[in-house]
Amino acid sequence: MKDVYELDTDPCPEWDFEPKSKEKLFSGIATLVNNPELSDVTFMIEGKPFYAHKNIVSVLSEKYKAMF
């Protein structure tokens, strides 16, 4: 059985899905690309680190999804 933890935080913000909100979401996601601050996996490519996120890589690749 999995443990379940409840995180008591501020109320969930209201989400609107107007084009402006989508642009903000997409630009926010774009800031995660090759950003070591919040990454949880690093690929070494030609000797240089490339920072990524397991959940995003898993959505894009069945092989990595199985690996993670």
Foldseek 3Di string as FASTA:
>chain_A
DDDDDDDDDDDDDDDDDDVVSVVVVVVVVVVQWQDPPPFDDWDQDPNRTGGHHLVVVVVVDVVSVVVD
